[in-house]
């Protein structure tokens, strides 16, 4: 199995909010809906290659479309979020490692794990490295916390 990691990204959000959003995708979908225009251009552009649903994440990759679903067995609360390919031409997983820097800042690193046949490595290795880097950038640009609260104290997403 080959592994491709993003650079570590600093995210201005508590580790718990990031973990919750990445393991409860409906929350992330709601927050993205209203804030898409506020995201950095590179994140908006990269999100065009990704479809997020309540059930998982679909990514357009050099190997074709990859449907990732939460891998609850390999998730560690407030530390690691894991997804595994439900539909992919090869065995594929995504792991997001989270490390709190302080109460409102988190360091995140994305890792793509792919079981590649030897003859495919040369063709897809560079795009997979680029994909891991882009995944890290997307993680850093997503809205993990609500920007406002209602009078009753509930979040406005």
Protein backbone atom coordinates (compact mmCIF):
# COMPACT_ATOMS: atom_id res chain seq x y z
CA UNK A 1 0.00 0.00 0.00
CA UNK A 2 1.34 3.40 -1.03
CA UNK A 3 0.74 6.48 1.15
CA UNK A 4 0.66 10.11 0.04
CA UNK A 5 0.49 12.87 2.64
CA UNK A 6 -0.44 16.52 2.45
CA UNK A 7 1.55 19.17 4.22
CA UNK A 8 0.37 19.89 7.73
CA UNK A 9 -2.31 22.55 7.64
CA UNK A 10 -3.20 24.96 10.43
CA UNK A 11 -6.95 25.35 10.83
CA UNK A 12 -8.50 28.10 12.96
CA UNK A 13 -11.11 25.87 14.59
CA UNK A 14 -11.25 23.63 17.66
CA UNK A 15 -10.32 19.99 17.05
CA UNK A 16 -13.77 18.85 18.24
CA UNK A 17 -15.57 21.02 15.68
CA UNK A 18 -13.41 19.67 12.85
CA UNK A 19 -13.84 16.06 13.95
CA UNK A 20 -17.60 16.49 14.28
CA UNK A 21 -17.96 18.13 10.85
CA UNK A 22 -15.89 15.46 9.11
CA UNK A 23 -17.75 12.59 10.79
CA UNK A 24 -21.21 14.17 10.44
CA UNK A 25 -21.15 15.25 6.81
CA UNK A 26 -24.66 16.72 6.88
CA UNK A 27 -23.30 19.44 9.20
CA UNK A 28 -20.48 20.19 6.78
CA UNK A 29 -22.91 20.28 3.84
CA UNK A 30 -25.10 22.83 5.65
CA UNK A 31 -22.14 25.05 6.49
CA UNK A 32 -20.76 24.83 2.97
CA UNK A 33 -24.09 25.78 1.43
CA UNK A 34 -24.16 29.30 2.78
CA UNK A 35 -20.42 29.94 2.89
CA UNK A 36 -19.26 28.65 -0.50
CA UNK A 37 -18.81 32.17 -1.86
CA UNK A 38 -16.67 33.09 1.17
CA UNK A 39 -14.19 30.24 0.67
CA UNK A 40 -10.78 30.92 -0.87
CA UNK A 41 -10.77 30.56 -4.67
CA UNK A 42 -8.39 27.57 -4.62
CA UNK A 43 -10.69 25.71 -2.20
CA UNK A 44 -13.80 26.48 -4.29
CA UNK A 45 -11.99 25.26 -7.38
CA UNK A 46 -10.88 22.03 -5.70
CA UNK A 47 -14.35 21.40 -4.29
CA UNK A 48 -15.62 21.20 -7.87
CA UNK A 49 -13.82 17.83 -8.03
CA UNK A 50 -15.58 16.63 -4.86
CA UNK A 51 -19.19 15.81 -4.05
CA UNK A 52 -20.15 15.60 -0.37
CA UNK A 53 -23.34 13.81 0.65
CA UNK A 54 -24.70 12.51 3.96
CA UNK A 55 -23.36 9.07 3.02
CA UNK A 56 -19.83 10.00 1.97
CA UNK A 57 -17.49 11.86 -0.32
CA UNK A 58 -17.07 11.28 -4.06
CA UNK A 59 -13.77 12.38 -5.59
CA UNK A 60 -12.86 12.63 -9.26
CA UNK A 61 -9.41 11.07 -9.35
CA UNK A 62 -6.85 10.00 -11.98
CA UNK A 63 -8.16 6.45 -11.44
CA UNK A 64 -11.77 7.48 -12.05
CA UNK A 65 -14.52 8.34 -9.60
CA UNK A 66 -13.88 7.22 -6.03
CA UNK A 67 -16.74 6.99 -3.51
CA UNK A 68 -15.47 7.29 0.08
CA UNK A 69 -17.61 6.34 3.07
CA UNK A 70 -16.83 6.86 6.76
CA UNK A 71 -14.65 4.13 8.24
CA UNK A 72 -15.90 4.28 11.83
CA UNK A 73 -13.63 1.44 12.96
CA UNK A 74 -10.51 3.50 12.21
CA UNK A 75 -11.78 6.85 13.50
CA UNK A 76 -10.38 8.08 16.80
CA UNK A 77 -12.42 10.84 18.41
CA UNK A 78 -10.78 14.26 18.04
CA UNK A 79 -7.66 12.64 16.59
CA UNK A 80 -8.33 10.75 13.33
CA UNK A 81 -11.11 10.71 10.75
CA UNK A 82 -11.03 7.84 8.27
CA UNK A 83 -12.83 7.05 5.04
CA UNK A 84 -12.60 3.95 2.89
CA UNK A 85 -13.47 3.50 -0.78
CA UNK A 86 -16.87 1.95 -1.40
CA UNK A 87 -16.41 2.26 -5.16
CA UNK A 88 -12.91 2.37 -6.56
CA UNK A 89 -10.89 0.46 -9.12
CA UNK A 90 -8.23 -0.11 -6.40
CA UNK A 91 -8.21 -0.36 -2.59
CA UNK A 92 -8.20 3.27 -1.39
CA UNK A 93 -8.61 5.14 1.88
CA UNK A 94 -8.37 8.67 3.21
CA UNK A 95 -7.18 9.45 6.71
CA UNK A 96 -7.23 12.89 8.30
CA UNK A 97 -5.02 13.24 11.36
CA UNK A 98 -5.93 16.05 13.75
CA UNK A 99 -3.76 17.54 16.49
CA UNK A 100 -4.91 20.40 18.70
CA UNK A 101 -2.42 23.27 18.82
CA UNK A 102 -4.53 25.15 21.36
CA UNK A 103 -8.22 25.37 22.20
CA UNK A 104 -9.14 27.14 18.91
CA UNK A 105 -6.41 26.01 16.50
CA UNK A 106 -5.85 22.55 15.04
CA UNK A 107 -3.16 21.07 12.86
CA UNK A 108 -4.45 18.64 10.19
CA UNK A 109 -2.78 16.34 7.72
CA UNK A 110 -4.50 14.31 4.99
CA UNK A 111 -3.15 10.95 3.92
CA UNK A 112 -4.25 8.96 0.88
CA UNK A 113 -3.54 5.23 1.09
CA UNK A 114 -3.75 3.35 -2.20
CA UNK A 115 -3.06 -0.27 -3.09
CA UNK A 116 -1.63 0.23 -6.58
CA UNK A 117 -0.61 -2.46 -9.02
CA UNK A 118 3.06 -2.01 -9.90
CA UNK A 119 2.36 -1.09 -13.52
CA UNK A 120 0.05 1.80 -12.48
CA UNK A 121 2.40 3.48 -9.97
CA UNK A 122 4.35 5.46 -12.52
CA UNK A 123 1.19 6.74 -14.17
CA UNK A 124 -0.75 7.84 -11.09
CA UNK A 125 1.87 8.54 -8.43
CA UNK A 126 2.28 12.25 -9.21
CA UNK A 127 -1.49 12.93 -9.49
CA UNK A 128 -2.00 11.14 -6.15
CA UNK A 129 0.71 13.28 -4.50
CA UNK A 130 -0.99 16.36 -5.91
CA UNK A 131 -4.37 15.03 -4.73
CA UNK A 132 -3.09 14.61 -1.17
CA UNK A 133 -1.71 18.16 -1.21
CA UNK A 134 -5.00 19.55 -2.52
CA UNK A 135 -6.98 17.57 0.06
CA UNK A 136 -4.93 19.24 2.79
CA UNK A 137 -5.65 22.66 1.31
CA UNK A 138 -9.36 21.90 1.10
CA UNK A 139 -9.40 20.76 4.74
CA UNK A 140 -7.81 24.04 5.78
CA UNK A 141 -10.42 26.08 3.89
CA UNK A 142 -13.64 24.39 5.02
CA UNK A 143 -16.05 26.12 7.44
CA UNK A 144 -16.05 24.03 10.63
CA UNK A 145 -17.66 26.42 13.05
CA UNK A 146 -20.85 28.44 12.76
CA UNK A 147 -20.28 32.14 12.31
CA UNK A 148 -23.26 33.27 14.36
CA UNK A 149 -25.57 32.12 17.14
CA UNK A 150 -29.29 32.67 17.47
CA UNK A 151 -30.76 34.42 20.50
CA UNK A 152 -31.68 31.00 21.95
CA UNK A 153 -28.00 29.96 21.75
CA UNK A 154 -28.33 27.52 18.86
CA UNK A 155 -25.92 27.70 15.95
CA UNK A 156 -26.72 29.41 12.68
CA UNK A 157 -25.02 27.28 10.03
